[in-house]
mmCIF file of all heavy atoms, coordinates in Angstrom:
data_MODEL
# 
_entry.id   MODEL 
# 
loop_
_atom_site.group_PDB 
_atom_site.id 
_atom_site.type_symbol 
_atom_site.label_atom_id 
_atom_site.label_alt_id 
_atom_site.label_comp_id 
_atom_site.label_asym_id 
_atom_site.label_entity_id 
_atom_site.label_seq_id 
_atom_site.pdbx_PDB_ins_code 
_atom_site.Cartn_x 
_atom_site.Cartn_y 
_atom_site.Cartn_z 
_atom_site.occupancy 
_atom_site.B_iso_or_equiv 
_atom_site.pdbx_formal_charge 
_atom_site.auth_seq_id 
_atom_site.auth_comp_id 
_atom_site.auth_asym_id 
_atom_site.auth_atom_id 
_atom_site.pdbx_PDB_model_num 
ATOM 1   N N   . LEU A 1 1  ? 3.063  27.657 -12.966 1.00 0.00 ? 1  LEU A N   1 
ATOM 2   C CA  . LEU A 1 1  ? 4.098  26.779 -12.426 1.00 0.00 ? 1  LEU A CA  1 
ATOM 3   C C   . LEU A 1 1  ? 3.551  25.947 -11.267 1.00 0.00 ? 1  LEU A C   1 
ATOM 4   O O   . LEU A 1 1  ? 2.628  26.390 -10.572 1.00 0.00 ? 1  LEU A O   1 
ATOM 5   C CB  . LEU A 1 1  ? 5.282  27.614 -11.920 1.00 0.00 ? 1  LEU A CB  1 
ATOM 6   C CG  . LEU A 1 1  ? 5.983  28.504 -12.935 1.00 0.00 ? 1  LEU A CG  1 
ATOM 7   C CD1 . LEU A 1 1  ? 6.979  29.418 -12.225 1.00 0.00 ? 1  LEU A CD1 1 
ATOM 8   C CD2 . LEU A 1 1  ? 6.678  27.651 -13.993 1.00 0.00 ? 1  LEU A CD2 1 
ATOM 9   N N   . PRO A 1 2  ? 4.135  24.769 -11.022 1.00 0.00 ? 2  PRO A N   1 
ATOM 10  C CA  . PRO A 1 2  ? 3.762  24.018 -9.817  1.00 0.00 ? 2  PRO A CA  1 
ATOM 11  C C   . PRO A 1 2  ? 4.077  24.863 -8.568  1.00 0.00 ? 2  PRO A C   1 
ATOM 12  O O   . PRO A 1 2  ? 5.019  25.659 -8.566  1.00 0.00 ? 2  PRO A O   1 
ATOM 13  C CB  . PRO A 1 2  ? 4.664  22.779 -9.867  1.00 0.00 ? 2  PRO A CB  1 
ATOM 14  C CG  . PRO A 1 2  ? 5.129  22.693 -11.282 1.00 0.00 ? 2  PRO A CG  1 
ATOM 15  C CD  . PRO A 1 2  ? 5.134  24.082 -11.832 1.00 0.00 ? 2  PRO A CD  1 
ATOM 16  N N   . ALA A 1 3  ? 3.290  24.702 -7.521  1.00 0.00 ? 3  ALA A N   1 
ATOM 17  C CA  . ALA A 1 3  ? 3.396  25.539 -6.324  1.00 0.00 ? 3  ALA A CA  1 
ATOM 18  C C   . ALA A 1 3  ? 4.817  25.675 -5.768  1.00 0.00 ? 3  ALA A C   1 
ATOM 19  O O   . ALA A 1 3  ? 5.252  26.793 -5.491  1.00 0.00 ? 3  ALA A O   1 
ATOM 20  C CB  . ALA A 1 3  ? 2.434  25.050 -5.248  1.00 0.00 ? 3  ALA A CB  1 
ATOM 21  N N   . PRO A 1 4  ? 5.575  24.569 -5.601  1.00 0.00 ? 4  PRO A N   1 
ATOM 22  C CA  . PRO A 1 4  ? 6.927  24.732 -5.041  1.00 0.00 ? 4  PRO A CA  1 
ATOM 23  C C   . PRO A 1 4  ? 7.840  25.557 -5.962  1.00 0.00 ? 4  PRO A C   1 
ATOM 24  O O   . PRO A 1 4  ? 8.665  26.323 -5.484  1.00 0.00 ? 4  PRO A O   1 
ATOM 25  C CB  . PRO A 1 4  ? 7.454  23.309 -4.893  1.00 0.00 ? 4  PRO A CB  1 
ATOM 26  C CG  . PRO A 1 4  ? 6.261  22.428 -4.960  1.00 0.00 ? 4  PRO A CG  1 
ATOM 27  C CD  . PRO A 1 4  ? 5.232  23.161 -5.770  1.00 0.00 ? 4  PRO A CD  1 
ATOM 28  N N   . VAL A 1 5  ? 7.664  25.402 -7.253  1.00 0.00 ? 5  VAL A N   1 
ATOM 29  C CA  . VAL A 1 5  ? 8.474  26.162 -8.209  1.00 0.00 ? 5  VAL A CA  1 
ATOM 30  C C   . VAL A 1 5  ? 8.059  27.632 -8.171  1.00 0.00 ? 5  VAL A C   1 
ATOM 31  O O   . VAL A 1 5  ? 8.897  28.535 -8.191  1.00 0.00 ? 5  VAL A O   1 
ATOM 32  C CB  . VAL A 1 5  ? 8.347  25.576 -9.639  1.00 0.00 ? 5  VAL A CB  1 
ATOM 33  C CG1 . VAL A 1 5  ? 9.124  26.411 -10.649 1.00 0.00 ? 5  VAL A CG1 1 
ATOM 34  C CG2 . VAL A 1 5  ? 8.812  24.126 -9.654  1.00 0.00 ? 5  VAL A CG2 1 
ATOM 35  N N   . TYR A 1 6  ? 6.748  27.871 -8.098  1.00 0.00 ? 6  TYR A N   1 
ATOM 36  C CA  . TYR A 1 6  ? 6.227  29.238 -7.988  1.00 0.00 ? 6  TYR A CA  1 
ATOM 37  C C   . TYR A 1 6  ? 6.866  29.954 -6.801  1.00 0.00 ? 6  TYR A C   1 
ATOM 38  O O   . TYR A 1 6  ? 7.321  31.095 -6.926  1.00 0.00 ? 6  TYR A O   1 
ATOM 39  C CB  . TYR A 1 6  ? 4.703  29.196 -7.828  1.00 0.00 ? 6  TYR A CB  1 
ATOM 40  C CG  . TYR A 1 6  ? 4.078  30.537 -7.520  1.00 0.00 ? 6  TYR A CG  1 
ATOM 41  C CD1 . TYR A 1 6  ? 3.623  31.362 -8.541  1.00 0.00 ? 6  TYR A CD1 1 
ATOM 42  C CD2 . TYR A 1 6  ? 3.934  30.984 -6.204  1.00 0.00 ? 6  TYR A CD2 1 
ATOM 43  C CE1 . TYR A 1 6  ? 3.041  32.594 -8.266  1.00 0.00 ? 6  TYR A CE1 1 
ATOM 44  C CE2 . TYR A 1 6  ? 3.361  32.208 -5.924  1.00 0.00 ? 6  TYR A CE2 1 
ATOM 45  C CZ  . TYR A 1 6  ? 2.916  33.016 -6.956  1.00 0.00 ? 6  TYR A CZ  1 
ATOM 46  O OH  . TYR A 1 6  ? 2.357  34.229 -6.677  1.00 0.00 ? 6  TYR A OH  1 
ATOM 47  N N   . VAL A 1 7  ? 6.906  29.287 -5.659  1.00 0.00 ? 7  VAL A N   1 
ATOM 48  C CA  . VAL A 1 7  ? 7.474  29.894 -4.455  1.00 0.00 ? 7  VAL A CA  1 
ATOM 49  C C   . VAL A 1 7  ? 8.946  30.211 -4.662  1.00 0.00 ? 7  VAL A C   1 
ATOM 50  O O   . VAL A 1 7  ? 9.400  31.324 -4.358  1.00 0.00 ? 7  VAL A O   1 
ATOM 51  C CB  . VAL A 1 7  ? 7.270  28.973 -3.226  1.00 0.00 ? 7  VAL A CB  1 
ATOM 52  C CG1 . VAL A 1 7  ? 8.082  29.455 -2.034  1.00 0.00 ? 7  VAL A CG1 1 
ATOM 53  C CG2 . VAL A 1 7  ? 5.794  28.888 -2.872  1.00 0.00 ? 7  VAL A CG2 1 
ATOM 54  N N   . ASN A 1 8  ? 9.704  29.267 -5.190  1.00 0.00 ? 8  ASN A N   1 
ATOM 55  C CA  . ASN A 1 8  ? 11.141 29.482 -5.384  1.00 0.00 ? 8  ASN A CA  1 
ATOM 56  C C   . ASN A 1 8  ? 11.427 30.586 -6.391  1.00 0.00 ? 8  ASN A C   1 
ATOM 57  O O   . ASN A 1 8  ? 12.293 31.430 -6.165  1.00 0.00 ? 8  ASN A O   1 
ATOM 58  C CB  . ASN A 1 8  ? 11.827 28.185 -5.806  1.00 0.00 ? 8  ASN A CB  1 
ATOM 59  C CG  . ASN A 1 8  ? 11.927 27.201 -4.665  1.00 0.00 ? 8  ASN A CG  1 
ATOM 60  O OD1 . ASN A 1 8  ? 11.991 27.587 -3.506  1.00 0.00 ? 8  ASN A OD1 1 
ATOM 61  N ND2 . ASN A 1 8  ? 11.927 25.922 -4.995  1.00 0.00 ? 8  ASN A ND2 1 
ATOM 62  N N   . VAL A 1 9  ? 10.701 30.605 -7.486  1.00 0.00 ? 9  VAL A N   1 
ATOM 63  C CA  . VAL A 1 9  ? 10.903 31.633 -8.506  1.00 0.00 ? 9  VAL A CA  1 
ATOM 64  C C   . VAL A 1 9  ? 10.500 32.996 -7.951  1.00 0.00 ? 9  VAL A C   1 
ATOM 65  O O   . VAL A 1 9  ? 11.209 33.992 -8.153  1.00 0.00 ? 9  VAL A O   1 
ATOM 66  C CB  . VAL A 1 9  ? 10.138 31.289 -9.796  1.00 0.00 ? 9  VAL A CB  1 
ATOM 67  C CG1 . VAL A 1 9  ? 10.167 32.444 -10.780 1.00 0.00 ? 9  VAL A CG1 1 
ATOM 68  C CG2 . VAL A 1 9  ? 10.719 30.030 -10.448 1.00 0.00 ? 9  VAL A CG2 1 
ATOM 69  N N   . SER A 1 10 ? 9.388  33.056 -7.242  1.00 0.00 ? 10 SER A N   1 
ATOM 70  C CA  . SER A 1 10 ? 8.954  34.318 -6.642  1.00 0.00 ? 10 SER A CA  1 
ATOM 71  C C   . SER A 1 10 ? 10.008 34.871 -5.692  1.00 0.00 ? 10 SER A C   1 
ATOM 72  O O   . SER A 1 10 ? 10.298 36.071 -5.693  1.00 0.00 ? 10 SER A O   1 
ATOM 73  C CB  . SER A 1 10 ? 7.640  34.134 -5.888  1.00 0.00 ? 10 SER A CB  1 
ATOM 74  O OG  . SER A 1 10 ? 6.610  33.779 -6.766  1.00 0.00 ? 10 SER A OG  1 
ATOM 75  N N   . ARG A 1 11 ? 10.583 33.998 -4.887  1.00 0.00 ? 11 ARG A N   1 
ATOM 76  C CA  . ARG A 1 11 ? 11.644 34.426 -3.960  1.00 0.00 ? 11 ARG A CA  1 
ATOM 77  C C   . ARG A 1 11 ? 12.834 34.991 -4.717  1.00 0.00 ? 11 ARG A C   1 
ATOM 78  O O   . ARG A 1 11 ? 13.424 35.988 -4.283  1.00 0.00 ? 11 ARG A O   1 
ATOM 79  C CB  . ARG A 1 11 ? 12.099 33.252 -3.088  1.00 0.00 ? 11 ARG A CB  1 
ATOM 80  C CG  . ARG A 1 11 ? 11.134 32.915 -2.012  1.00 0.00 ? 11 ARG A CG  1 
ATOM 81  C CD  . ARG A 1 11 ? 11.639 31.776 -1.169  1.00 0.00 ? 11 ARG A CD  1 
ATOM 82  N NE  . ARG A 1 11 ? 10.674 31.455 -0.128  1.00 0.00 ? 11 ARG A NE  1 
ATOM 83  C CZ  . ARG A 1 11 ? 10.633 30.318 0.513   1.00 0.00 ? 11 ARG A CZ  1 
ATOM 84  N NH1 . ARG A 1 11 ? 11.506 29.353 0.226   1.00 0.00 ? 11 ARG A NH1 1 
ATOM 85  N NH2 . ARG A 1 11 ? 9.736  30.102 1.441   1.00 0.00 ? 11 ARG A NH2 1 
ATOM 86  N N   . GLN A 1 12 ? 13.193 34.366 -5.821  1.00 0.00 ? 12 GLN A N   1 
ATOM 87  C CA  . GLN A 1 12 ? 14.318 34.863 -6.620  1.00 0.00 ? 12 GLN A CA  1 
ATOM 88  C C   . GLN A 1 12 ? 14.020 36.253 -7.181  1.00 0.00 ? 12 GLN A C   1 
ATOM 89  O O   . GLN A 1 12 ? 14.893 37.123 -7.199  1.00 0.00 ? 12 GLN A O   1 
ATOM 90  C CB  . GLN A 1 12 ? 14.648 33.894 -7.757  1.00 0.00 ? 12 GLN A CB  1 
ATOM 91  C CG  . GLN A 1 12 ? 15.247 32.584 -7.294  1.00 0.00 ? 12 GLN A CG  1 
ATOM 92  C CD  . GLN A 1 12 ? 16.574 32.795 -6.574  1.00 0.00 ? 12 GLN A CD  1 
ATOM 93  O OE1 . GLN A 1 12 ? 17.413 33.581 -7.004  1.00 0.00 ? 12 GLN A OE1 1 
ATOM 94  N NE2 . GLN A 1 12 ? 16.758 32.105 -5.459  1.00 0.00 ? 12 GLN A NE2 1 
ATOM 95  N N   . ILE A 1 13 ? 12.801 36.468 -7.634  1.00 0.00 ? 13 ILE A N   1 
ATOM 96  C CA  . ILE A 1 13 ? 12.421 37.781 -8.167  1.00 0.00 ? 13 ILE A CA  1 
ATOM 97  C C   . ILE A 1 13 ? 12.454 38.824 -7.049  1.00 0.00 ? 13 ILE A C   1 
ATOM 98  O O   . ILE A 1 13 ? 12.965 39.938 -7.236  1.00 0.00 ? 13 ILE A O   1 
ATOM 99  C CB  . ILE A 1 13 ? 11.030 37.713 -8.831  1.00 0.00 ? 13 ILE A CB  1 
ATOM 100 C CG1 . ILE A 1 13 ? 11.098 36.809 -10.074 1.00 0.00 ? 13 ILE A CG1 1 
ATOM 101 C CG2 . ILE A 1 13 ? 10.519 39.109 -9.187  1.00 0.00 ? 13 ILE A CG2 1 
ATOM 102 C CD1 . ILE A 1 13 ? 9.740  36.434 -10.638 1.00 0.00 ? 13 ILE A CD1 1 
ATOM 103 N N   . ILE A 1 14 ? 11.945 38.465 -5.894  1.00 0.00 ? 14 ILE A N   1 
ATOM 104 C CA  . ILE A 1 14 ? 11.941 39.384 -4.754  1.00 0.00 ? 14 ILE A CA  1 
ATOM 105 C C   . ILE A 1 14 ? 13.366 39.724 -4.336  1.00 0.00 ? 14 ILE A C   1 
ATOM 106 O O   . ILE A 1 14 ? 13.683 40.889 -4.057  1.00 0.00 ? 14 ILE A O   1 
ATOM 107 C CB  . ILE A 1 14 ? 11.113 38.780 -3.597  1.00 0.00 ? 14 ILE A CB  1 
ATOM 108 C CG1 . ILE A 1 14 ? 9.633  38.776 -3.996  1.00 0.00 ? 14 ILE A CG1 1 
ATOM 109 C CG2 . ILE A 1 14 ? 11.341 39.527 -2.292  1.00 0.00 ? 14 ILE A CG2 1 
ATOM 110 C CD1 . ILE A 1 14 ? 8.752  37.905 -3.124  1.00 0.00 ? 14 ILE A CD1 1 
ATOM 111 N N   . ARG A 1 15 ? 14.242 38.736 -4.314  1.00 0.00 ? 15 ARG A N   1 
ATOM 112 C CA  . ARG A 1 15 ? 15.657 38.995 -4.005  1.00 0.00 ? 15 ARG A CA  1 
ATOM 113 C C   . ARG A 1 15 ? 16.285 39.890 -5.063  1.00 0.00 ? 15 ARG A C   1 
ATOM 114 O O   . ARG A 1 15 ? 17.032 40.810 -4.739  1.00 0.00 ? 15 ARG A O   1 
ATOM 115 C CB  . ARG A 1 15 ? 16.428 37.684 -3.909  1.00 0.00 ? 15 ARG A CB  1 
ATOM 116 C CG  . ARG A 1 15 ? 16.220 36.961 -2.625  1.00 0.00 ? 15 ARG A CG  1 
ATOM 117 C CD  . ARG A 1 15 ? 17.153 35.761 -2.489  1.00 0.00 ? 15 ARG A CD  1 
ATOM 118 N NE  . ARG A 1 15 ? 16.760 34.985 -1.345  1.00 0.00 ? 15 ARG A NE  1 
ATOM 119 C CZ  . ARG A 1 15 ? 16.245 33.764 -1.398  1.00 0.00 ? 15 ARG A CZ  1 
ATOM 120 N NH1 . ARG A 1 15 ? 16.088 33.160 -2.550  1.00 0.00 ? 15 ARG A NH1 1 
ATOM 121 N NH2 . ARG A 1 15 ? 15.900 33.135 -0.301  1.00 0.00 ? 15 ARG A NH2 1 
ATOM 122 N N   . ALA A 1 16 ? 15.991 39.615 -6.332  1.00 0.00 ? 16 ALA A N   1 
ATOM 123 C CA  . ALA A 1 16 ? 16.555 40.420 -7.423  1.00 0.00 ? 16 ALA A CA  1 
ATOM 124 C C   . ALA A 1 16 ? 16.125 41.879 -7.301  1.00 0.00 ? 16 ALA A C   1 
ATOM 125 O O   . ALA A 1 16 ? 16.893 42.787 -7.617  1.00 0.00 ? 16 ALA A O   1 
ATOM 126 C CB  . ALA A 1 16 ? 16.128 39.848 -8.772  1.00 0.00 ? 16 ALA A CB  1 
ATOM 127 N N   . ALA A 1 17 ? 14.908 42.107 -6.816  1.00 0.00 ? 17 ALA A N   1 
ATOM 128 C CA  . ALA A 1 17 ? 14.402 43.467 -6.638  1.00 0.00 ? 17 ALA A CA  1 
ATOM 129 C C   . ALA A 1 17 ? 15.026 44.152 -5.423  1.00 0.00 ? 17 ALA A C   1 
ATOM 130 O O   . ALA A 1 17 ? 14.855 45.351 -5.223  1.00 0.00 ? 17 ALA A O   1 
ATOM 131 C CB  . ALA A 1 17 ? 12.881 43.454 -6.512  1.00 0.00 ? 17 ALA A CB  1 
ATOM 132 N N   . GLY A 1 18 ? 15.729 43.379 -4.602  1.00 0.00 ? 18 GLY A N   1 
ATOM 133 C CA  . GLY A 1 18 ? 16.344 43.943 -3.404  1.00 0.00 ? 18 GLY A CA  1 
ATOM 134 C C   . GLY A 1 18 ? 15.381 44.074 -2.244  1.00 0.00 ? 18 GLY A C   1 
ATOM 135 O O   . GLY A 1 18 ? 15.604 44.858 -1.333  1.00 0.00 ? 18 GLY A O   1 
ATOM 136 N N   . LEU A 1 19 ? 14.307 43.292 -2.263  1.00 0.00 ? 19 LEU A N   1 
ATOM 137 C CA  . LEU A 1 19 ? 13.285 43.405 -1.221  1.00 0.00 ? 19 LEU A CA  1 
ATOM 138 C C   . LEU A 1 19 ? 13.457 42.407 -0.092  1.00 0.00 ? 19 LEU A C   1 
ATOM 139 O O   . LEU A 1 19 ? 12.689 42.412 0.859   1.00 0.00 ? 19 LEU A O   1 
ATOM 140 C CB  . LEU A 1 19 ? 11.884 43.229 -1.828  1.00 0.00 ? 19 LEU A CB  1 
ATOM 141 C CG  . LEU A 1 19 ? 11.516 44.227 -2.899  1.00 0.00 ? 19 LEU A CG  1 
ATOM 142 C CD1 . LEU A 1 19 ? 10.076 44.021 -3.339  1.00 0.00 ? 19 LEU A CD1 1 
ATOM 143 C CD2 . LEU A 1 19 ? 11.727 45.645 -2.437  1.00 0.00 ? 19 LEU A CD2 1 
ATOM 144 N N   . SER A 1 20 ? 14.438 41.556 -0.192  1.00 0.00 ? 20 SER A N   1 
ATOM 145 C CA  . SER A 1 20 ? 14.682 40.574 0.852   1.00 0.00 ? 20 SER A CA  1 
ATOM 146 C C   . SER A 1 20 ? 15.821 41.077 1.722   1.00 0.00 ? 20 SER A C   1 
ATOM 147 O O   . SER A 1 20 ? 16.905 41.354 1.235   1.00 0.00 ? 20 SER A O   1 
ATOM 148 C CB  . SER A 1 20 ? 15.055 39.230 0.222   1.00 0.00 ? 20 SER A CB  1 
ATOM 149 O OG  . SER A 1 20 ? 15.394 38.308 1.212   1.00 0.00 ? 20 SER A OG  1 
ATOM 150 N N   . ILE A 1 21 ? 15.553 41.227 3.009   1.00 0.00 ? 21 ILE A N   1 
ATOM 151 C CA  . ILE A 1 21 ? 16.579 41.653 3.951   1.00 0.00 ? 21 ILE A CA  1 
ATOM 152 C C   . ILE A 1 21 ? 17.031 40.417 4.708   1.00 0.00 ? 21 ILE A C   1 
ATOM 153 O O   . ILE A 1 21 ? 16.264 39.812 5.447   1.00 0.00 ? 21 ILE A O   1 
ATOM 154 C CB  . ILE A 1 21 ? 16.052 42.720 4.918   1.00 0.00 ? 21 ILE A CB  1 
ATOM 155 C CG1 . ILE A 1 21 ? 15.566 43.935 4.136   1.00 0.00 ? 21 ILE A CG1 1 
ATOM 156 C CG2 . ILE A 1 21 ? 17.121 43.119 5.919   1.00 0.00 ? 21 ILE A CG2 1 
ATOM 157 C CD1 . ILE A 1 21 ? 14.839 44.958 4.996   1.00 0.00 ? 21 ILE A CD1 1 
ATOM 158 N N   . ASP A 1 22 ? 18.275 40.024 4.507   1.00 0.00 ? 22 ASP A N   1 
ATOM 159 C CA  . ASP A 1 22 ? 18.807 38.839 5.162   1.00 0.00 ? 22 ASP A CA  1 
ATOM 160 C C   . ASP A 1 22 ? 19.063 39.099 6.637   1.00 0.00 ? 22 ASP A C   1 
ATOM 161 O O   . ASP A 1 22 ? 19.351 40.220 7.048   1.00 0.00 ? 22 ASP A O   1 
ATOM 162 C CB  . ASP A 1 22 ? 20.122 38.405 4.503   1.00 0.00 ? 22 ASP A CB  1 
ATOM 163 C CG  . ASP A 1 22 ? 19.935 37.981 3.061   1.00 0.00 ? 22 ASP A CG  1 
ATOM 164 O OD1 . ASP A 1 22 ? 18.843 37.481 2.733   1.00 0.00 ? 22 ASP A OD1 1 
ATOM 165 O OD2 . ASP A 1 22 ? 20.873 38.162 2.267   1.00 0.00 ? 22 ASP A OD2 1 
ATOM 166 N N   . ASP A 1 23 ? 18.996 38.031 7.444   1.00 0.00 ? 23 ASP A N   1 
ATOM 167 C CA  . ASP A 1 23 ? 19.261 38.143 8.875   1.00 0.00 ? 23 ASP A CA  1 
ATOM 168 C C   . ASP A 1 23 ? 20.619 38.770 9.144   1.00 0.00 ? 23 ASP A C   1 
ATOM 169 O O   . ASP A 1 23 ? 20.757 39.606 10.019  1.00 0.00 ? 23 ASP A O   1 
ATOM 170 C CB  . ASP A 1 23 ? 19.202 36.769 9.548   1.00 0.00 ? 23 ASP A CB  1 
ATOM 171 C CG  . ASP A 1 23 ? 17.771 36.272 9.709   1.00 0.00 ? 23 ASP A CG  1 
ATOM 172 O OD1 . ASP A 1 23 ? 16.835 37.081 9.551   1.00 0.00 ? 23 ASP A OD1 1 
ATOM 173 O OD2 . ASP A 1 23 ? 17.598 35.079 9.994   1.00 0.00 ? 23 ASP A OD2 1 
ATOM 174 N N   . ALA A 1 24 ? 21.638 38.370 8.385   1.00 0.00 ? 24 ALA A N   1 
ATOM 175 C CA  . ALA A 1 24 ? 22.988 38.890 8.606   1.00 0.00 ? 24 ALA A CA  1 
ATOM 176 C C   . ALA A 1 24 ? 23.030 40.392 8.365   1.00 0.00 ? 24 ALA A C   1 
ATOM 177 O O   . ALA A 1 24 ? 23.706 41.136 9.074   1.00 0.00 ? 24 ALA A O   1 
ATOM 178 C CB  . ALA A 1 24 ? 23.984 38.181 7.694   1.00 0.00 ? 24 ALA A CB  1 
ATOM 179 N N   . ASP A 1 25 ? 22.270 40.870 7.386   1.00 0.00 ? 25 ASP A N   1 
ATOM 180 C CA  . ASP A 1 25 ? 22.224 42.292 7.067   1.00 0.00 ? 25 ASP A CA  1 
ATOM 181 C C   . ASP A 1 25 ? 21.620 43.075 8.225   1.00 0.00 ? 25 ASP A C   1 
ATOM 182 O O   . ASP A 1 25 ? 22.119 44.118 8.618   1.00 0.00 ? 25 ASP A O   1 
ATOM 183 C CB  . ASP A 1 25 ? 21.405 42.489 5.782   1.00 0.00 ? 25 ASP A CB  1 
ATOM 184 C CG  . ASP A 1 25 ? 21.479 43.900 5.261   1.00 0.00 ? 25 ASP A CG  1 
ATOM 185 O OD1 . ASP A 1 25 ? 22.567 44.507 5.342   1.00 0.00 ? 25 ASP A OD1 1 
ATOM 186 O OD2 . ASP A 1 25 ? 20.456 44.393 4.767   1.00 0.00 ? 25 ASP A OD2 1 
ATOM 187 N N   . VAL A 1 26 ? 20.542 42.572 8.803   1.00 0.00 ? 26 VAL A N   1 
ATOM 188 C CA  . VAL A 1 26 ? 19.888 43.240 9.933   1.00 0.00 ? 26 VAL A CA  1 
ATOM 189 C C   . VAL A 1 26 ? 20.808 43.218 11.151  1.00 0.00 ? 26 VAL A C   1 
ATOM 190 O O   . VAL A 1 26 ? 20.980 44.225 11.826  1.00 0.00 ? 26 VAL A O   1 
ATOM 191 C CB  . VAL A 1 26 ? 18.525 42.580 10.256  1.00 0.00 ? 26 VAL A CB  1 
ATOM 192 C CG1 . VAL A 1 26 ? 17.926 43.175 11.519  1.00 0.00 ? 26 VAL A CG1 1 
ATOM 193 C CG2 . VAL A 1 26 ? 17.574 42.758 9.086   1.00 0.00 ? 26 VAL A CG2 1 
ATOM 194 N N   . SER A 1 27 ? 21.431 42.080 11.427  1.00 0.00 ? 27 SER A N   1 
ATOM 195 C CA  . SER A 1 27 ? 22.317 41.966 12.579  1.00 0.00 ? 27 SER A CA  1 
ATOM 196 C C   . SER A 1 27 ? 23.495 42.928 12.472  1.00 0.00 ? 27 SER A C   1 
ATOM 197 O O   . SER A 1 27 ? 23.911 43.544 13.465  1.00 0.00 ? 27 SER A O   1 
ATOM 198 C CB  . SER A 1 27 ? 22.838 40.531 12.712  1.00 0.00 ? 27 SER A CB  1 
ATOM 199 O OG  . SER A 1 27 ? 21.784 39.669 13.013  1.00 0.00 ? 27 SER A OG  1 
ATOM 200 N N   . ALA A 1 28 ? 24.023 43.087 11.270  1.00 0.00 ? 28 ALA A N   1 
ATOM 201 C CA  . ALA A 1 28 ? 25.149 43.989 11.060  1.00 0.00 ? 28 ALA A CA  1 
ATOM 202 C C   . ALA A 1 28 ? 24.784 45.436 11.360  1.00 0.00 ? 28 ALA A C   1 
ATOM 203 O O   . ALA A 1 28 ? 25.633 46.243 11.691  1.00 0.00 ? 28 ALA A O   1 
ATOM 204 C CB  . ALA A 1 28 ? 25.667 43.864 9.636   1.00 0.00 ? 28 ALA A CB  1 
# 
């Protein structure tokens, strides 16, 4: 994939795996 698409798709996979902790989640 083109680099910007690679980054966006990778982020979606990481979020789907539950590995992304959002700022709001940490603050809570």
